[in-house]
Amino acid sequence: MAGGSCAMSMENPVFKAFVTYAVIVLVKTMAMSLMTAVTRFKNMSFANPEDSAGFKDKDGGKLKPVLNNPSVERVRRCHLNDLENVLPFVLIGLLYVATSPPLASALLHFRLFAGARLLHTVVYLVPVPQPARALTFFVGFATTLSMAYSAAAAVGFAV
């Protein structure tokens, strides 16, 4: 990097941008846990007996565990999809940043990924008909693959 600055320093605008977008998608992923809990309460659909102990069903009886509520499962699948995509973005993103990519290229990658993940959540939870969700998924996935290729290419695919 020009000027001898460390790639993983707040003096590096690429790293600062990465931290910003990584925090956005990580907090969004964390928010999905809360959304799952809210959806469980809204639907009185708890997976464990101890979670429903203080609640009664519509007939006044004890709530039974429910493992397949469609609304809860939709939110859980969206959350799982985040976990499967945000973690690789963060890890590969750190490797990418370490190669000192141009700021414009890095910003494009980070913004595309974050935007795709935010939009993915919206189209998943609304739900918007396919191929909307698939397109948002593949934009994020391809962005992470692009960063991986760029990072590997920057070091000459060293073995």
C-alpha atoms as a PDB file:
ATOM      1  CA  MET A   1       0.000   0.000   0.000  1.00  0.00           C
ATOM      2  CA  ALA A   2       1.247   3.485  -0.824  1.00  0.00           C
ATOM      3  CA  GLY A   3       2.945   5.276   2.055  1.00  0.00           C
ATOM      4  CA  GLY A   4       3.645   2.026   3.889  1.00  0.00           C
ATOM      5  CA  SER A   5       0.330   2.015   5.779  1.00  0.00           C
ATOM      6  CA  CYS A   6      -0.905  -1.288   7.094  1.00  0.00           C
ATOM      7  CA  ALA A   7      -3.734  -2.781   5.033  1.00  0.00           C
ATOM      8  CA  MET A   8      -5.663  -3.560   8.239  1.00  0.00           C
ATOM      9  CA  SER A   9      -5.553  -0.048   9.620  1.00  0.00           C
ATOM     10  CA  MET A  10      -8.141   2.688   9.954  1.00  0.00           C
ATOM     11  CA  GLU A  11      -5.699   4.807   7.971  1.00  0.00           C
ATOM     12  CA  ASN A  12      -6.504   2.594   4.984  1.00  0.00           C
ATOM     13  CA  PRO A  13      -9.740   3.760   3.315  1.00  0.00           C
ATOM     14  CA  VAL A  14     -10.337   0.257   1.880  1.00  0.00           C
ATOM     15  CA  PHE A  15     -10.215  -1.271   5.364  1.00  0.00           C
ATOM     16  CA  LYS A  16     -12.451   1.479   6.773  1.00  0.00           C
ATOM     17  CA  ALA A  17     -14.998   0.822   4.016  1.00  0.00           C
ATOM     18  CA  PHE A  18     -14.793  -2.925   4.620  1.00  0.00           C
ATOM     19  CA  VAL A  19     -15.407  -2.484   8.344  1.00  0.00           C
ATOM     20  CA  THR A  20     -18.449  -0.324   7.581  1.00  0.00           C
ATOM     21  CA  TYR A  21     -20.068  -2.805   5.192  1.00  0.00           C
ATOM     22  CA  ALA A  22     -19.072  -5.868   7.234  1.00  0.00           C
ATOM     23  CA  VAL A  23     -20.717  -4.324  10.301  1.00  0.00           C
ATOM     24  CA  ILE A  24     -23.871  -3.602   8.286  1.00  0.00           C
ATOM     25  CA  VAL A  25     -24.277  -7.194   7.082  1.00  0.00           C
ATOM     26  CA  LEU A  26     -23.241  -8.721  10.415  1.00  0.00           C
ATOM     27  CA  VAL A  27     -25.742  -6.613  12.373  1.00  0.00           C
ATOM     28  CA  LYS A  28     -28.413  -7.458   9.779  1.00  0.00           C
ATOM     29  CA  THR A  29     -27.615 -11.140  10.303  1.00  0.00           C
ATOM     30  CA  MET A  30     -27.853 -10.711  14.068  1.00  0.00           C
ATOM     31  CA  ALA A  31     -31.191  -8.934  13.633  1.00  0.00           C
ATOM     32  CA  MET A  32     -32.544 -12.067  11.972  1.00  0.00           C
ATOM     33  CA  SER A  33     -32.254 -13.852  15.342  1.00  0.00           C
ATOM     34  CA  LEU A  34     -34.506 -11.229  16.877  1.00  0.00           C
ATOM     35  CA  MET A  35     -36.876 -11.439  13.926  1.00  0.00           C
ATOM     36  CA  THR A  36     -37.117 -15.203  14.455  1.00  0.00           C
ATOM     37  CA  ALA A  37     -38.007 -14.670  18.119  1.00  0.00           C
ATOM     38  CA  VAL A  38     -40.606 -12.021  17.261  1.00  0.00           C
ATOM     39  CA  THR A  39     -42.132 -14.312  14.643  1.00  0.00           C
ATOM     40  CA  ARG A  40     -42.269 -17.174  17.155  1.00  0.00           C
ATOM     41  CA  PHE A  41     -44.133 -14.975  19.662  1.00  0.00           C
ATOM     42  CA  LYS A  42     -46.447 -13.563  17.007  1.00  0.00           C
ATOM     43  CA  ASN A  43     -47.405 -17.092  15.948  1.00  0.00           C
ATOM     44  CA  MET A  44     -47.149 -18.640  19.432  1.00  0.00           C
ATOM     45  CA  SER A  45     -44.890 -21.176  17.796  1.00  0.00           C
ATOM     46  CA  PHE A  46     -42.124 -22.241  20.167  1.00  0.00           C
ATOM     47  CA  ALA A  47     -39.689 -25.056  19.424  1.00  0.00           C
ATOM     48  CA  ASN A  48     -38.990 -26.060  23.028  1.00  0.00           C
ATOM     49  CA  PRO A  49     -41.459 -26.910  25.821  1.00  0.00           C
ATOM     50  CA  GLU A  50     -39.713 -24.598  28.299  1.00  0.00           C
ATOM     51  CA  ASP A  51     -40.135 -21.666  25.887  1.00  0.00           C
ATOM     52  CA  SER A  52     -43.898 -22.042  25.833  1.00  0.00           C
ATOM     53  CA  ALA A  53     -44.350 -22.913  29.535  1.00  0.00           C
ATOM     54  CA  GLY A  54     -46.049 -19.621  30.432  1.00  0.00           C
ATOM     55  CA  PHE A  55     -48.448 -19.616  27.476  1.00  0.00           C
ATOM     56  CA  LYS A  56     -51.753 -21.349  26.804  1.00  0.00           C
ATOM     57  CA  ASP A  57     -53.201 -22.489  23.492  1.00  0.00           C
ATOM     58  CA  LYS A  58     -56.528 -21.108  22.214  1.00  0.00           C
ATOM     59  CA  ASP A  59     -58.422 -23.750  24.229  1.00  0.00           C
ATOM     60  CA  GLY A  60     -56.593 -22.845  27.448  1.00  0.00           C
ATOM     61  CA  GLY A  61     -54.340 -25.892  27.339  1.00  0.00           C
ATOM     62  CA  LYS A  62     -50.591 -26.180  27.413  1.00  0.00           C
ATOM     63  CA  LEU A  63     -48.830 -25.121  24.184  1.00  0.00           C
ATOM     64  CA  LYS A  64     -47.050 -27.930  22.437  1.00  0.00           C
ATOM     65  CA  PRO A  65     -43.710 -27.413  20.662  1.00  0.00           C
ATOM     66  CA  VAL A  66     -44.098 -26.469  17.004  1.00  0.00           C
ATOM     67  CA  LEU A  67     -41.174 -27.188  14.690  1.00  0.00           C
ATOM     68  CA  ASN A  68     -42.722 -26.413  11.335  1.00  0.00           C
ATOM     69  CA  ASN A  69     -44.556 -23.085  11.459  1.00  0.00           C
ATOM     70  CA  PRO A  70     -44.222 -21.721   7.902  1.00  0.00           C
ATOM     71  CA  SER A  71     -43.710 -18.106   9.004  1.00  0.00           C
ATOM     72  CA  VAL A  72     -41.027 -18.996  11.535  1.00  0.00           C
ATOM     73  CA  GLU A  73     -39.305 -21.338   9.099  1.00  0.00           C
ATOM     74  CA  ARG A  74     -39.198 -18.660   6.387  1.00  0.00           C
ATOM     75  CA  VAL A  75     -37.395 -16.270   8.752  1.00  0.00           C
ATOM     76  CA  ARG A  76     -35.076 -19.055   9.930  1.00  0.00           C
ATOM     77  CA  ARG A  77     -34.188 -20.005   6.345  1.00  0.00           C
ATOM     78  CA  CYS A  78     -33.437 -16.376   5.558  1.00  0.00           C
ATOM     79  CA  HIS A  79     -31.205 -16.206   8.645  1.00  0.00           C
ATOM     80  CA  LEU A  80     -29.440 -19.440   7.680  1.00  0.00           C
ATOM     81  CA  ASN A  81     -28.844 -18.054   4.195  1.00  0.00           C
ATOM     82  CA  ASP A  82     -27.233 -14.994   5.792  1.00  0.00           C
ATOM     83  CA  LEU A  83     -24.975 -17.182   7.911  1.00  0.00           C
ATOM     84  CA  GLU A  84     -23.946 -19.145   4.821  1.00  0.00           C
ATOM     85  CA  ASN A  85     -23.075 -15.978   2.889  1.00  0.00           C
ATOM     86  CA  VAL A  86     -22.059 -13.261   5.336  1.00  0.00           C
ATOM     87  CA  LEU A  87     -19.375 -15.347   7.058  1.00  0.00           C
ATOM     88  CA  PRO A  88     -17.543 -16.093   3.765  1.00  0.00           C
ATOM     89  CA  PHE A  89     -17.876 -12.414   2.769  1.00  0.00           C
ATOM     90  CA  VAL A  90     -16.247 -11.278   6.014  1.00  0.00           C
ATOM     91  CA  LEU A  91     -13.431 -13.837   5.894  1.00  0.00           C
ATOM     92  CA  ILE A  92     -12.707 -13.483   2.181  1.00  0.00           C
ATOM     93  CA  GLY A  93     -13.155  -9.716   2.490  1.00  0.00           C
ATOM     94  CA  LEU A  94     -10.353  -9.552   5.054  1.00  0.00           C
ATOM     95  CA  LEU A  95      -8.069 -11.480   2.707  1.00  0.00           C
ATOM     96  CA  TYR A  96      -9.110  -9.216  -0.152  1.00  0.00           C
ATOM     97  CA  VAL A  97      -8.389  -6.068   1.872  1.00  0.00           C
ATOM     98  CA  ALA A  98      -4.964  -7.470   2.787  1.00  0.00           C
ATOM     99  CA  THR A  99      -4.038  -7.410  -0.918  1.00  0.00           C
ATOM    100  CA  SER A 100      -4.555  -3.612  -1.048  1.00  0.00           C
ATOM    101  CA  PRO A 101      -7.131  -3.478  -3.860  1.00  0.00           C
ATOM    102  CA  PRO A 102      -8.041  -0.142  -5.452  1.00  0.00           C
ATOM    103  CA  LEU A 103     -10.606   1.751  -3.376  1.00  0.00           C
ATOM    104  CA  ALA A 104     -13.116   2.018  -6.245  1.00  0.00           C
ATOM    105  CA  SER A 105     -13.016  -1.734  -6.855  1.00  0.00           C
ATOM    106  CA  ALA A 106     -13.296  -2.509  -3.150  1.00  0.00           C
ATOM    107  CA  LEU A 107     -16.233  -0.138  -2.683  1.00  0.00           C
ATOM    108  CA  LEU A 108     -18.016  -1.748  -5.626  1.00  0.00           C
ATOM    109  CA  HIS A 109     -17.569  -5.208  -4.078  1.00  0.00           C
ATOM    110  CA  PHE A 110     -18.601  -4.149  -0.579  1.00  0.00           C
ATOM    111  CA  ARG A 111     -21.611  -2.135  -1.706  1.00  0.00           C
ATOM    112  CA  LEU A 112     -22.829  -4.810  -4.106  1.00  0.00           C
ATOM    113  CA  PHE A 113     -22.630  -7.475  -1.437  1.00  0.00           C
ATOM    114  CA  ALA A 114     -24.289  -5.428   1.306  1.00  0.00           C
ATOM    115  CA  GLY A 115     -27.012  -4.188  -1.034  1.00  0.00           C
ATOM    116  CA  ALA A 116     -27.671  -7.691  -2.349  1.00  0.00           C
ATOM    117  CA  ARG A 117     -27.947  -9.135   1.180  1.00  0.00           C
ATOM    118  CA  LEU A 118     -30.303  -6.388   2.366  1.00  0.00           C
ATOM    119  CA  LEU A 119     -32.450  -6.810  -0.729  1.00  0.00           C
ATOM    120  CA  HIS A 120     -32.309 -10.604  -0.368  1.00  0.00           C
ATOM    121  CA  THR A 121     -33.858 -10.307   3.083  1.00  0.00           C
ATOM    122  CA  VAL A 122     -36.659  -8.093   1.810  1.00  0.00           C
ATOM    123  CA  VAL A 123     -37.546 -10.326  -1.131  1.00  0.00           C
ATOM    124  CA  TYR A 124     -37.295 -13.446   1.037  1.00  0.00           C
ATOM    125  CA  LEU A 125     -39.545 -12.189   3.816  1.00  0.00           C
ATOM    126  CA  VAL A 126     -42.168 -10.315   1.763  1.00  0.00           C
ATOM    127  CA  PRO A 127     -42.046 -12.798  -0.269  1.00  0.00           C
ATOM    128  CA  VAL A 128     -41.366 -11.528  -3.779  1.00  0.00           C
ATOM    129  CA  PRO A 129     -41.755 -14.135  -6.553  1.00  0.00           C
ATOM    130  CA  GLN A 130     -38.675 -15.771  -8.014  1.00  0.00           C
ATOM    131  CA  PRO A 131     -36.267 -15.063  -9.613  1.00  0.00           C
ATOM    132  CA  ALA A 132     -35.908 -12.000  -7.326  1.00  0.00           C
ATOM    133  CA  ARG A 133     -34.451 -13.938  -4.391  1.00  0.00           C
ATOM    134  CA  ALA A 134     -32.185 -16.025  -6.621  1.00  0.00           C
ATOM    135  CA  LEU A 135     -30.848 -12.902  -8.335  1.00  0.00           C
ATOM    136  CA  THR A 136     -30.052 -11.177  -5.043  1.00  0.00           C
ATOM    137  CA  PHE A 137     -28.381 -14.347  -3.770  1.00  0.00           C
ATOM    138  CA  PHE A 138     -26.243 -14.759  -6.870  1.00  0.00           C
ATOM    139  CA  VAL A 139     -25.156 -11.106  -6.909  1.00  0.00           C
ATOM    140  CA  GLY A 140     -23.833 -11.481  -3.364  1.00  0.00           C
ATOM    141  CA  PHE A 141     -22.321 -14.889  -4.045  1.00  0.00           C
ATOM    142  CA  ALA A 142     -20.599 -13.727  -7.241  1.00  0.00           C
ATOM    143  CA  THR A 143     -19.277 -10.651  -5.447  1.00  0.00           C
ATOM    144  CA  THR A 144     -17.643 -12.802  -2.780  1.00  0.00           C
ATOM    145  CA  LEU A 145     -16.215 -15.114  -5.452  1.00  0.00           C
ATOM    146  CA  SER A 146     -14.822 -12.077  -7.269  1.00  0.00           C
ATOM    147  CA  MET A 147     -13.061 -10.926  -4.098  1.00  0.00           C
ATOM    148  CA  ALA A 148     -11.701 -14.446  -3.576  1.00  0.00           C
ATOM    149  CA  TYR A 149     -10.347 -14.580  -7.116  1.00  0.00           C
ATOM    150  CA  SER A 150      -8.831 -11.097  -6.801  1.00  0.00           C
ATOM    151  CA  ALA A 151      -7.145 -11.979  -3.506  1.00  0.00           C
ATOM    152  CA  ALA A 152      -5.753 -15.253  -4.881  1.00  0.00           C
ATOM    153  CA  ALA A 153      -4.623 -13.553  -8.099  1.00  0.00           C
ATOM    154  CA  ALA A 154      -2.894 -10.786  -6.126  1.00  0.00           C
ATOM    155  CA  VAL A 155      -0.615 -13.351  -4.515  1.00  0.00           C
ATOM    156  CA  GLY A 156      -0.128 -15.305  -7.729  1.00  0.00           C
ATOM    157  CA  PHE A 157      -2.230 -18.269  -6.563  1.00  0.00           C
ATOM    158  CA  ALA A 158       0.744 -19.220  -4.349  1.00  0.00           C
ATOM    159  CA  VAL A 159       0.973 -22.837  -3.312  1.00  0.00           C
END
